[in-house]
Amino acid sequence: MRAILPAILLAAAIAPHPATAGDDHDRARELRAHGEVMPLAEILKKLMAAHPGSVLDTELEEEHGKVVYEIKMHGDDDVVHTWIVDAKSGNLIGEEKD
């Protein structure tokens, strides 16, 4: 029992805070309503047409004054890619391979 408690406390400490995910969703909705970003569904459709695979994670971030989506995918090439997409235009602007 003593060994389980520290593991539970560690898991709780590193788990994502639910408000953070909600804040990102609310921010994306607000930016989309003001025409600042494209809907994520449209961006995913465009990205997956060019780079098929399974979406693992998405994040909306600001980098160098631009709002971008970072989309982590397990590609059909069996490589995990993180695609950086301009959230306003939907254009691919970068890639990282894990």
PDB file of N, CA and C in Angstrom:
ATOM      1  N   MET A   1       0.823  -1.199   0.000  1.00  0.00           N
ATOM      2  CA  MET A   1       0.000   0.000   0.000  1.00  0.00           C
ATOM      3  C   MET A   1       0.863   1.259   0.000  1.00  0.00           C
ATOM      4  N   ARG A   2       1.965   1.245   0.753  1.00  0.00           N
ATOM      5  CA  ARG A   2       2.825   2.420   0.813  1.00  0.00           C
ATOM      6  C   ARG A   2       3.420   2.746  -0.549  1.00  0.00           C
ATOM      7  N   ALA A   3       3.734   1.741  -1.356  1.00  0.00           N
ATOM      8  CA  ALA A   3       4.320   1.966  -2.682  1.00  0.00           C
ATOM      9  C   ALA A   3       3.292   2.502  -3.662  1.00  0.00           C
ATOM     10  N   ILE A   4       2.043   2.184  -3.462  1.00  0.00           N
ATOM     11  CA  ILE A   4       0.994   2.621  -4.381  1.00  0.00           C
ATOM     12  C   ILE A   4       0.686   4.107  -4.205  1.00  0.00           C
ATOM     13  N   LEU A   5       0.649   4.587  -2.981  1.00  0.00           N
ATOM     14  CA  LEU A   5       0.301   5.983  -2.719  1.00  0.00           C
ATOM     15  C   LEU A   5       1.227   6.971  -3.426  1.00  0.00           C
ATOM     16  N   PRO A   6       2.559   6.816  -3.355  1.00  0.00           N
ATOM     17  CA  PRO A   6       3.417   7.755  -4.096  1.00  0.00           C
ATOM     18  C   PRO A   6       3.157   7.716  -5.603  1.00  0.00           C
ATOM     19  N   ALA A   7       2.878   6.538  -6.143  1.00  0.00           N
ATOM     20  CA  ALA A   7       2.590   6.428  -7.579  1.00  0.00           C
ATOM     21  C   ALA A   7       1.319   7.172  -7.933  1.00  0.00           C
ATOM     22  N   ILE A   8       0.304   7.064  -7.086  1.00  0.00           N
ATOM     23  CA  ILE A   8      -0.959   7.776  -7.323  1.00  0.00           C
ATOM     24  C   ILE A   8      -0.739   9.283  -7.237  1.00  0.00           C
ATOM     25  N   LEU A   9       0.004   9.725  -6.228  1.00  0.00           N
ATOM     26  CA  LEU A   9       0.273  11.156  -6.077  1.00  0.00           C
ATOM     27  C   LEU A   9       1.083  11.693  -7.258  1.00  0.00           C
ATOM     28  N   LEU A  10       2.053  10.929  -7.728  1.00  0.00           N
ATOM     29  CA  LEU A  10       2.845  11.346  -8.886  1.00  0.00           C
ATOM     30  C   LEU A  10       1.971  11.444 -10.130  1.00  0.00           C
ATOM     31  N   ALA A  11       1.114  10.466 -10.343  1.00  0.00           N
ATOM     32  CA  ALA A  11       0.224  10.481 -11.504  1.00  0.00           C
ATOM     33  C   ALA A  11      -0.695  11.696 -11.458  1.00  0.00           C
ATOM     34  N   ALA A  12      -1.216  12.009 -10.280  1.00  0.00           N
ATOM     35  CA  ALA A  12      -2.100  13.171 -10.141  1.00  0.00           C
ATOM     36  C   ALA A  12      -1.350  14.474 -10.393  1.00  0.00           C
ATOM     37  N   ALA A  13      -0.096  14.526  -9.979  1.00  0.00           N
ATOM     38  CA  ALA A  13       0.691  15.755 -10.140  1.00  0.00           C
ATOM     39  C   ALA A  13       1.054  16.026 -11.595  1.00  0.00           C
ATOM     40  N   ILE A  14       1.300  14.968 -12.367  1.00  0.00           N
ATOM     41  CA  ILE A  14       1.726  15.191 -13.753  1.00  0.00           C
ATOM     42  C   ILE A  14       0.581  15.113 -14.754  1.00  0.00           C
ATOM     43  N   ALA A  15      -0.601  14.733 -14.316  1.00  0.00           N
ATOM     44  CA  ALA A  15      -1.749  14.657 -15.219  1.00  0.00           C
ATOM     45  C   ALA A  15      -2.121  16.063 -15.688  1.00  0.00           C
ATOM     46  N   PRO A  16      -2.574  16.205 -16.945  1.00  0.00           N
ATOM     47  CA  PRO A  16      -2.973  17.525 -17.429  1.00  0.00           C
ATOM     48  C   PRO A  16      -4.136  18.068 -16.617  1.00  0.00           C
ATOM     49  N   HIS A  17      -4.079  19.338 -16.354  1.00  0.00           N
ATOM     50  CA  HIS A  17      -5.141  19.998 -15.615  1.00  0.00           C
ATOM     51  C   HIS A  17      -6.346  20.157 -16.526  1.00  0.00           C
ATOM     52  N   PRO A  18      -7.557  19.722 -16.101  1.00  0.00           N
ATOM     53  CA  PRO A  18      -8.724  19.793 -16.978  1.00  0.00           C
ATOM     54  C   PRO A  18      -9.044  21.198 -17.463  1.00  0.00           C
ATOM     55  N   ALA A  19      -8.774  22.205 -16.650  1.00  0.00           N
ATOM     56  CA  ALA A  19      -9.081  23.574 -17.059  1.00  0.00           C
ATOM     57  C   ALA A  19      -8.206  24.005 -18.234  1.00  0.00           C
ATOM     58  N   THR A  20      -6.990  23.481 -18.319  1.00  0.00           N
ATOM     59  CA  THR A  20      -6.097  23.842 -19.416  1.00  0.00           C
ATOM     60  C   THR A  20      -6.673  23.414 -20.751  1.00  0.00           C
ATOM     61  N   ALA A  21      -7.156  22.181 -20.835  1.00  0.00           N
ATOM     62  CA  ALA A  21      -7.754  21.694 -22.075  1.00  0.00           C
ATOM     63  C   ALA A  21      -8.979  22.531 -22.423  1.00  0.00           C
ATOM     64  N   GLY A  22      -9.789  22.854 -21.438  1.00  0.00           N
ATOM     65  CA  GLY A  22     -10.966  23.676 -21.679  1.00  0.00           C
ATOM     66  C   GLY A  22     -10.602  25.081 -22.122  1.00  0.00           C
ATOM     67  N   ASP A  23      -9.553  25.634 -21.513  1.00  0.00           N
ATOM     68  CA  ASP A  23      -9.100  26.969 -21.893  1.00  0.00           C
ATOM     69  C   ASP A  23      -8.646  26.995 -23.348  1.00  0.00           C
ATOM     70  N   ASP A  24      -7.901  25.970 -23.786  1.00  0.00           N
ATOM     71  CA  ASP A  24      -7.459  25.883 -25.181  1.00  0.00           C
ATOM     72  C   ASP A  24      -8.655  25.797 -26.112  1.00  0.00           C
ATOM     73  N   HIS A  25      -9.634  24.988 -25.728  1.00  0.00           N
ATOM     74  CA  HIS A  25     -10.831  24.829 -26.559  1.00  0.00           C
ATOM     75  C   HIS A  25     -11.592  26.152 -26.658  1.00  0.00           C
ATOM     76  N   ASP A  26     -11.758  26.823 -25.530  1.00  0.00           N
ATOM     77  CA  ASP A  26     -12.450  28.115 -25.523  1.00  0.00           C
ATOM     78  C   ASP A  26     -11.688  29.151 -26.340  1.00  0.00           C
ATOM     79  N   ARG A  27     -10.363  29.150 -26.207  1.00  0.00           N
ATOM     80  CA  ARG A  27      -9.538  30.098 -26.967  1.00  0.00           C
ATOM     81  C   ARG A  27      -9.669  29.834 -28.460  1.00  0.00           C
ATOM     82  N   ALA A  28      -9.628  28.566 -28.855  1.00  0.00           N
ATOM     83  CA  ALA A  28      -9.763  28.214 -30.269  1.00  0.00           C
ATOM     84  C   ALA A  28     -11.125  28.648 -30.798  1.00  0.00           C
ATOM     85  N   ARG A  29     -12.165  28.430 -30.029  1.00  0.00           N
ATOM     86  CA  ARG A  29     -13.516  28.817 -30.444  1.00  0.00           C
ATOM     87  C   ARG A  29     -13.610  30.337 -30.618  1.00  0.00           C
ATOM     88  N   GLU A  30     -13.018  31.085 -29.689  1.00  0.00           N
ATOM     89  CA  GLU A  30     -13.044  32.549 -29.778  1.00  0.00           C
ATOM     90  C   GLU A  30     -12.256  33.034 -30.997  1.00  0.00           C
ATOM     91  N   LEU A  31     -11.071  32.480 -31.213  1.00  0.00           N
ATOM     92  CA  LEU A  31     -10.265  32.872 -32.371  1.00  0.00           C
ATOM     93  C   LEU A  31     -10.965  32.518 -33.680  1.00  0.00           C
ATOM     94  N   ARG A  32     -11.629  31.367 -33.720  1.00  0.00           N
ATOM     95  CA  ARG A  32     -12.355  30.968 -34.926  1.00  0.00           C
ATOM     96  C   ARG A  32     -13.519  31.911 -35.190  1.00  0.00           C
ATOM     97  N   ALA A  33     -14.222  32.322 -34.143  1.00  0.00           N
ATOM     98  CA  ALA A  33     -15.352  33.243 -34.295  1.00  0.00           C
ATOM     99  C   ALA A  33     -14.904  34.591 -34.844  1.00  0.00           C
ATOM    100  N   HIS A  34     -13.665  34.984 -34.574  1.00  0.00           N
ATOM    101  CA  HIS A  34     -13.134  36.263 -35.057  1.00  0.00           C
ATOM    102  C   HIS A  34     -12.366  36.112 -36.367  1.00  0.00           C
ATOM    103  N   GLY A  35     -12.387  34.908 -36.954  1.00  0.00           N
ATOM    104  CA  GLY A  35     -11.698  34.684 -38.218  1.00  0.00           C
ATOM    105  C   GLY A  35     -10.190  34.591 -38.101  1.00  0.00           C
ATOM    106  N   GLU A  36      -9.697  34.366 -36.899  1.00  0.00           N
ATOM    107  CA  GLU A  36      -8.253  34.296 -36.675  1.00  0.00           C
ATOM    108  C   GLU A  36      -7.676  32.915 -36.973  1.00  0.00           C
ATOM    109  N   VAL A  37      -8.511  31.873 -36.879  1.00  0.00           N
ATOM    110  CA  VAL A  37      -8.051  30.515 -37.153  1.00  0.00           C
ATOM    111  C   VAL A  37      -9.107  29.763 -37.959  1.00  0.00           C
ATOM    112  N   MET A  38      -8.633  28.771 -38.716  1.00  0.00           N
ATOM    113  CA  MET A  38      -9.534  27.872 -39.424  1.00  0.00           C
ATOM    114  C   MET A  38     -10.023  26.810 -38.440  1.00  0.00           C
ATOM    115  N   PRO A  39     -11.178  26.224 -38.709  1.00  0.00           N
ATOM    116  CA  PRO A  39     -11.613  25.104 -37.868  1.00  0.00           C
ATOM    117  C   PRO A  39     -10.605  23.955 -37.952  1.00  0.00           C
ATOM    118  N   LEU A  40     -10.339  23.331 -36.830  1.00  0.00           N
ATOM    119  CA  LEU A  40      -9.378  22.240 -36.778  1.00  0.00           C
ATOM    120  C   LEU A  40      -9.790  21.106 -37.718  1.00  0.00           C
ATOM    121  N   ALA A  41     -11.070  20.841 -37.839  1.00  0.00           N
ATOM    122  CA  ALA A  41     -11.533  19.757 -38.722  1.00  0.00           C
ATOM    123  C   ALA A  41     -11.080  19.990 -40.165  1.00  0.00           C
ATOM    124  N   GLU A  42     -11.144  21.230 -40.628  1.00  0.00           N
ATOM    125  CA  GLU A  42     -10.697  21.546 -41.991  1.00  0.00           C
ATOM    126  C   GLU A  42      -9.190  21.357 -42.135  1.00  0.00           C
ATOM    127  N   ILE A  43      -8.455  21.786 -41.132  1.00  0.00           N
ATOM    128  CA  ILE A  43      -7.000  21.649 -41.167  1.00  0.00           C
ATOM    129  C   ILE A  43      -6.607  20.176 -41.160  1.00  0.00           C
ATOM    130  N   LEU A  44      -7.272  19.371 -40.326  1.00  0.00           N
ATOM    131  CA  LEU A  44      -6.961  17.938 -40.275  1.00  0.00           C
ATOM    132  C   LEU A  44      -7.280  17.247 -41.596  1.00  0.00           C
ATOM    133  N   LYS A  45      -8.392  17.622 -42.208  1.00  0.00           N
ATOM    134  CA  LYS A  45      -8.771  17.030 -43.495  1.00  0.00           C
ATOM    135  C   LYS A  45      -7.695  17.310 -44.545  1.00  0.00           C
ATOM    136  N   LYS A  46      -7.249  18.557 -44.603  1.00  0.00           N
ATOM    137  CA  LYS A  46      -6.216  18.959 -45.565  1.00  0.00           C
ATOM    138  C   LYS A  46      -4.893  18.260 -45.264  1.00  0.00           C
ATOM    139  N   LEU A  47      -4.497  18.222 -44.000  1.00  0.00           N
ATOM    140  CA  LEU A  47      -3.233  17.615 -43.610  1.00  0.00           C
ATOM    141  C   LEU A  47      -3.234  16.110 -43.885  1.00  0.00           C
ATOM    142  N   MET A  48      -4.332  15.443 -43.534  1.00  0.00           N
ATOM    143  CA  MET A  48      -4.394  13.997 -43.690  1.00  0.00           C
ATOM    144  C   MET A  48      -4.492  13.579 -45.157  1.00  0.00           C
ATOM    145  N   ALA A  49      -4.977  14.459 -46.020  1.00  0.00           N
ATOM    146  CA  ALA A  49      -4.995  14.146 -47.449  1.00  0.00           C
ATOM    147  C   ALA A  49      -3.566  14.063 -47.988  1.00  0.00           C
ATOM    148  N   ALA A  50      -2.704  14.920 -47.483  1.00  0.00           N
ATOM    149  CA  ALA A  50      -1.312  14.947 -47.935  1.00  0.00           C
ATOM    150  C   ALA A  50      -0.417  13.995 -47.133  1.00  0.00           C
ATOM    151  N   HIS A  51      -0.774  13.768 -45.875  1.00  0.00           N
ATOM    152  CA  HIS A  51       0.056  12.960 -44.971  1.00  0.00           C
ATOM    153  C   HIS A  51      -0.851  12.034 -44.161  1.00  0.00           C
ATOM    154  N   PRO A  52      -1.255  10.901 -44.739  1.00  0.00           N
ATOM    155  CA  PRO A  52      -2.184  10.008 -44.040  1.00  0.00           C
ATOM    156  C   PRO A  52      -1.583   9.438 -42.761  1.00  0.00           C
ATOM    157  N   GLY A  53      -2.456   9.209 -41.796  1.00  0.00           N
ATOM    158  CA  GLY A  53      -2.032   8.626 -40.535  1.00  0.00           C
ATOM    159  C   GLY A  53      -3.106   8.792 -39.487  1.00  0.00           C
ATOM    160  N   SER A  54      -2.734   8.548 -38.245  1.00  0.00           N
ATOM    161  CA  SER A  54      -3.653   8.660 -37.117  1.00  0.00           C
ATOM    162  C   SER A  54      -3.240   9.824 -36.234  1.00  0.00           C
ATOM    163  N   VAL A  55      -4.190  10.676 -35.895  1.00  0.00           N
ATOM    164  CA  VAL A  55      -3.916  11.825 -35.032  1.00  0.00           C
ATOM    165  C   VAL A  55      -3.751  11.343 -33.594  1.00  0.00           C
ATOM    166  N   LEU A  56      -2.660  11.741 -32.970  1.00  0.00           N
ATOM    167  CA  LEU A  56      -2.383  11.383 -31.583  1.00  0.00           C
ATOM    168  C   LEU A  56      -2.697  12.517 -30.621  1.00  0.00           C
ATOM    169  N   ASP A  57      -2.445  13.774 -31.064  1.00  0.00           N
ATOM    170  CA  ASP A  57      -2.620  14.922 -30.175  1.00  0.00           C
ATOM    171  C   ASP A  57      -2.651  16.194 -31.002  1.00  0.00           C
ATOM    172  N   THR A  58      -3.372  17.180 -30.516  1.00  0.00           N
ATOM    173  CA  THR A  58      -3.367  18.501 -31.155  1.00  0.00           C
ATOM    174  C   THR A  58      -3.216  19.564 -30.069  1.00  0.00           C
ATOM    175  N   GLU A  59      -2.507  20.625 -30.406  1.00  0.00           N
ATOM    176  CA  GLU A  59      -2.348  21.760 -29.500  1.00  0.00           C
ATOM    177  C   GLU A  59      -2.440  23.044 -30.302  1.00  0.00           C
ATOM    178  N   LEU A  60      -3.057  24.036 -29.730  1.00  0.00           N
ATOM    179  CA  LEU A  60      -3.110  25.366 -30.323  1.00  0.00           C
ATOM    180  C   LEU A  60      -2.110  26.219 -29.557  1.00  0.00           C
ATOM    181  N   GLU A  61      -1.127  26.775 -30.267  1.00  0.00           N
ATOM    182  CA  GLU A  61      -0.074  27.545 -29.616  1.00  0.00           C
ATOM    183  C   GLU A  61       0.235  28.804 -30.401  1.00  0.00           C
ATOM    184  N   GLU A  62       0.968  29.693 -29.756  1.00  0.00           N
ATOM    185  CA  GLU A  62       1.468  30.882 -30.436  1.00  0.00           C
ATOM    186  C   GLU A  62       2.976  30.758 -30.537  1.00  0.00           C
ATOM    187  N   GLU A  63       3.489  30.850 -31.756  1.00  0.00           N
ATOM    188  CA  GLU A  63       4.926  30.772 -31.995  1.00  0.00           C
ATOM    189  C   GLU A  63       5.334  31.905 -32.916  1.00  0.00           C
ATOM    190  N   HIS A  64       6.290  32.672 -32.485  1.00  0.00           N
ATOM    191  CA  HIS A  64       6.827  33.781 -33.285  1.00  0.00           C
ATOM    192  C   HIS A  64       5.715  34.712 -33.780  1.00  0.00           C
ATOM    193  N   GLY A  65       4.756  34.999 -32.902  1.00  0.00           N
ATOM    194  CA  GLY A  65       3.679  35.920 -33.239  1.00  0.00           C
ATOM    195  C   GLY A  65       2.577  35.327 -34.104  1.00  0.00           C
ATOM    196  N   LYS A  66       2.645  34.029 -34.405  1.00  0.00           N
ATOM    197  CA  LYS A  66       1.614  33.359 -35.203  1.00  0.00           C
ATOM    198  C   LYS A  66       0.918  32.318 -34.344  1.00  0.00           C
ATOM    199  N   VAL A  67      -0.377  32.169 -34.576  1.00  0.00           N
ATOM    200  CA  VAL A  67      -1.115  31.093 -33.933  1.00  0.00           C
ATOM    201  C   VAL A  67      -0.977  29.866 -34.819  1.00  0.00           C
ATOM    202  N   VAL A  68      -0.544  28.765 -34.217  1.00  0.00           N
ATOM    203  CA  VAL A  68      -0.313  27.530 -34.971  1.00  0.00           C
ATOM    204  C   VAL A  68      -0.979  26.357 -34.269  1.00  0.00           C
ATOM    205  N   TYR A  69      -1.302  25.371 -35.070  1.00  0.00           N
ATOM    206  CA  TYR A  69      -1.694  24.077 -34.532  1.00  0.00           C
ATOM    207  C   TYR A  69      -0.471  23.183 -34.606  1.00  0.00           C
ATOM    208  N   GLU A  70      -0.161  22.499 -33.517  1.00  0.00           N
ATOM    209  CA  GLU A  70       0.837  21.441 -33.526  1.00  0.00           C
ATOM    210  C   GLU A  70       0.056  20.141 -33.494  1.00  0.00           C
ATOM    211  N   ILE A  71       0.206  19.359 -34.545  1.00  0.00           N
ATOM    212  CA  ILE A  71      -0.583  18.138 -34.701  1.00  0.00           C
ATOM    213  C   ILE A  71       0.368  16.949 -34.730  1.00  0.00           C
ATOM    214  N   LYS A  72       0.274  16.117 -33.711  1.00  0.00           N
ATOM    215  CA  LYS A  72       1.121  14.931 -33.632  1.00  0.00           C
ATOM    216  C   LYS A  72       0.351  13.769 -34.254  1.00  0.00           C
ATOM    217  N   MET A  73       1.009  13.113 -35.220  1.00  0.00           N
ATOM    218  CA  MET A  73       0.374  11.998 -35.927  1.00  0.00           C
ATOM    219  C   MET A  73       1.322  10.811 -36.038  1.00  0.00           C
ATOM    220  N   HIS A  74       0.747   9.634 -36.000  1.00  0.00           N
ATOM    221  CA  HIS A  74       1.480   8.409 -36.332  1.00  0.00           C
ATOM    222  C   HIS A  74       1.195   8.186 -37.810  1.00  0.00           C
ATOM    223  N   GLY A  75       2.198   8.446 -38.641  1.00  0.00           N
ATOM    224  CA  GLY A  75       2.014   8.384 -40.082  1.00  0.00           C
ATOM    225  C   GLY A  75       1.938   6.972 -40.612  1.00  0.00           C
ATOM    226  N   ASP A  76       1.385   6.845 -41.809  1.00  0.00           N
ATOM    227  CA  ASP A  76       1.344   5.555 -42.481  1.00  0.00           C
ATOM    228  C   ASP A  76       2.747   5.029 -42.756  1.00  0.00           C
ATOM    229  N   ASP A  77       3.751   5.913 -42.653  1.00  0.00           N
ATOM    230  CA  ASP A  77       5.145   5.499 -42.822  1.00  0.00           C
ATOM    231  C   ASP A  77       5.728   4.937 -41.518  1.00  0.00           C
ATOM    232  N   ASP A  78       4.867   4.771 -40.504  1.00  0.00           N
ATOM    233  CA  ASP A  78       5.226   4.221 -39.194  1.00  0.00           C
ATOM    234  C   ASP A  78       6.171   5.134 -38.416  1.00  0.00           C
ATOM    235  N   VAL A  79       6.125   6.426 -38.702  1.00  0.00           N
ATOM    236  CA  VAL A  79       6.920   7.437 -37.997  1.00  0.00           C
ATOM    237  C   VAL A  79       5.953   8.396 -37.315  1.00  0.00           C
ATOM    238  N   VAL A  80       6.307   8.853 -36.113  1.00  0.00           N
ATOM    239  CA  VAL A  80       5.503   9.865 -35.430  1.00  0.00           C
ATOM    240  C   VAL A  80       6.005  11.236 -35.874  1.00  0.00           C
ATOM    241  N   HIS A  81       5.095  12.007 -36.452  1.00  0.00           N
ATOM    242  CA  HIS A  81       5.394  13.345 -36.957  1.00  0.00           C
ATOM    243  C   HIS A  81       4.646  14.364 -36.104  1.00  0.00           C
ATOM    244  N   THR A  82       5.263  15.512 -35.893  1.00  0.00           N
ATOM    245  CA  THR A  82       4.555  16.658 -35.340  1.00  0.00           C
ATOM    246  C   THR A  82       4.529  17.703 -36.444  1.00  0.00           C
ATOM    247  N   TRP A  83       3.352  17.951 -36.960  1.00  0.00           N
ATOM    248  CA  TRP A  83       3.169  18.920 -38.045  1.00  0.00           C
ATOM    249  C   TRP A  83       2.817  20.260 -37.433  1.00  0.00           C
ATOM    250  N   ILE A  84       3.455  21.328 -37.884  1.00  0.00           N
ATOM    251  CA  ILE A  84       3.150  22.682 -37.434  1.00  0.00           C
ATOM    252  C   ILE A  84       2.418  23.364 -38.580  1.00  0.00           C
ATOM    253  N   VAL A  85       1.189  23.778 -38.285  1.00  0.00           N
ATOM    254  CA  VAL A  85       0.306  24.321 -39.310  1.00  0.00           C
ATOM    255  C   VAL A  85      -0.136  25.720 -38.906  1.00  0.00           C
ATOM    256  N   ASP A  86      -0.012  26.675 -39.828  1.00  0.00           N
ATOM    257  CA  ASP A  86      -0.519  28.025 -39.599  1.00  0.00           C
ATOM    258  C   ASP A  86      -2.029  27.918 -39.394  1.00  0.00           C
ATOM    259  N   ALA A  87      -2.506  28.317 -38.222  1.00  0.00           N
ATOM    260  CA  ALA A  87      -3.910  28.135 -37.868  1.00  0.00           C
ATOM    261  C   ALA A  87      -4.845  29.032 -38.673  1.00  0.00           C
ATOM    262  N   LYS A  88      -4.348  30.129 -39.199  1.00  0.00           N
ATOM    263  CA  LYS A  88      -5.202  31.034 -39.972  1.00  0.00           C
ATOM    264  C   LYS A  88      -5.336  30.586 -41.426  1.00  0.00           C
ATOM    265  N   SER A  89      -4.227  30.187 -42.050  1.00  0.00           N
ATOM    266  CA  SER A  89      -4.255  29.831 -43.473  1.00  0.00           C
ATOM    267  C   SER A  89      -4.423  28.326 -43.690  1.00  0.00           C
ATOM    268  N   GLY A  90      -4.032  27.530 -42.706  1.00  0.00           N
ATOM    269  CA  GLY A  90      -4.064  26.086 -42.854  1.00  0.00           C
ATOM    270  C   GLY A  90      -2.835  25.544 -43.574  1.00  0.00           C
ATOM    271  N   ASN A  91      -1.865  26.421 -43.861  1.00  0.00           N
ATOM    272  CA  ASN A  91      -0.647  25.990 -44.558  1.00  0.00           C
ATOM    273  C   ASN A  91       0.328  25.316 -43.604  1.00  0.00           C
ATOM    274  N   LEU A  92       0.947  24.261 -44.090  1.00  0.00           N
ATOM    275  CA  LEU A  92       1.964  23.555 -43.335  1.00  0.00           C
ATOM    276  C   LEU A  92       3.219  24.427 -43.280  1.00  0.00           C
ATOM    277  N   ILE A  93       3.738  24.672 -42.071  1.00  0.00           N
ATOM    278  CA  ILE A  93       4.933  25.528 -41.956  1.00  0.00           C
ATOM    279  C   ILE A  93       6.106  24.822 -41.306  1.00  0.00           C
ATOM    280  N   GLY A  94       5.920  23.583 -40.838  1.00  0.00           N
ATOM    281  CA  GLY A  94       7.044  22.875 -40.253  1.00  0.00           C
ATOM    282  C   GLY A  94       6.697  21.445 -39.899  1.00  0.00           C
ATOM    283  N   GLU A  95       7.752  20.686 -39.630  1.00  0.00           N
ATOM    284  CA  GLU A  95       7.588  19.283 -39.255  1.00  0.00           C
ATOM    285  C   GLU A  95       8.720  18.878 -38.317  1.00  0.00           C
ATOM    286  N   GLU A  96       8.365  18.066 -37.346  1.00  0.00           N
ATOM    287  CA  GLU A  96       9.361  17.444 -36.477  1.00  0.00           C
ATOM    288  C   GLU A  96       9.063  15.955 -36.474  1.00  0.00           C
ATOM    289  N   LYS A  97      10.108  15.143 -36.460  1.00  0.00           N
ATOM    290  CA  LYS A  97       9.930  13.694 -36.383  1.00  0.00           C
ATOM    291  C   LYS A  97      10.394  13.225 -35.014  1.00  0.00           C
ATOM    292  N   ASP A  98       9.582  12.394 -34.398  1.00  0.00           N
ATOM    293  CA  ASP A  98       9.925  11.847 -33.077  1.00  0.00           C
ATOM    294  C   ASP A  98      10.577  10.505 -33.231  1.00  0.00           C
TER     295      ASP A  98
END
